[in-house]
């Protein structure tokens, strides 16, 4: 079982894939800049980076 399955029908639309990447990445930046919580910032940035790799870079073409 994958954490993010790029072949799942939920991720068929490009805006859903990009939102799954942008939201945790943006929240990681918020944690670093405004909350000054580097632990959570790193966690959310890592989640965004993994989502980018799984949903954008290594996804098979439609």
Protein backbone atom coordinates (compact mmCIF):
# COMPACT_ATOMS: atom_id res chain seq x y z
CA UNK A 1 0.00 0.00 0.00
CA UNK A 2 1.35 3.38 -1.03
CA UNK A 3 0.97 6.53 1.03
CA UNK A 4 -0.02 8.45 -2.10
CA UNK A 5 -1.19 6.36 -5.02
CA UNK A 6 -0.90 8.47 -8.18
CA UNK A 7 -3.12 5.99 -10.04
CA UNK A 8 -6.03 6.52 -7.65
CA UNK A 9 -9.00 8.15 -9.45
CA UNK A 10 -9.00 10.92 -6.85
CA UNK A 11 -5.71 12.23 -8.29
CA UNK A 12 -6.88 12.09 -11.94
CA UNK A 13 -7.44 15.87 -12.12
CA UNK A 14 -4.28 18.00 -12.26
CA UNK A 15 -5.57 20.64 -9.84
CA UNK A 16 -6.05 17.98 -7.14
CA UNK A 17 -2.47 16.77 -7.59
CA UNK A 18 -1.10 20.30 -7.45
CA UNK A 19 -3.24 21.20 -4.41
CA UNK A 20 -1.90 18.11 -2.64
CA UNK A 21 1.61 19.42 -3.26
CA UNK A 22 1.08 23.14 -2.64
CA UNK A 23 -0.98 23.03 0.56
CA UNK A 24 1.47 21.14 2.80
CA UNK A 25 4.41 23.03 1.29
CA UNK A 26 2.71 26.35 1.98
CA UNK A 27 1.85 25.30 5.51
CA UNK A 28 5.47 24.26 6.08
CA UNK A 29 6.54 27.78 5.12
CA UNK A 30 3.95 29.21 7.52
CA UNK A 31 5.33 27.04 10.32
CA UNK A 32 8.86 28.28 9.68
CA UNK A 33 8.13 31.97 9.17
CA UNK A 34 5.18 32.88 11.37
CA UNK A 35 4.97 30.10 13.95
CA UNK A 36 8.72 29.60 14.37
CA UNK A 37 8.20 25.86 14.68
CA UNK A 38 11.00 24.25 12.66
CA UNK A 39 10.01 20.68 13.54
CA UNK A 40 6.54 21.07 12.00
CA UNK A 41 7.96 23.11 9.15
CA UNK A 42 10.33 20.31 8.19
CA UNK A 43 7.55 17.74 8.52
CA UNK A 44 5.17 19.63 6.23
CA UNK A 45 7.88 20.52 3.71
CA UNK A 46 8.89 16.86 3.57
CA UNK A 47 5.25 15.87 3.00
CA UNK A 48 5.00 18.41 0.17
CA UNK A 49 8.26 17.21 -1.36
CA UNK A 50 7.10 13.59 -1.23
CA UNK A 51 3.74 14.54 -2.78
CA UNK A 52 5.58 16.40 -5.56
CA UNK A 53 7.74 13.39 -6.27
CA UNK A 54 4.88 10.87 -6.11
CA UNK A 55 2.14 12.85 -7.89
CA UNK A 56 4.02 15.07 -10.34
CA UNK A 57 7.46 13.67 -11.16
CA UNK A 58 6.98 9.90 -11.10
CA UNK A 59 3.35 9.74 -12.24
CA UNK A 60 2.77 7.94 -15.52
CA UNK A 61 1.37 10.02 -18.36
CA UNK A 62 -2.39 9.88 -18.82
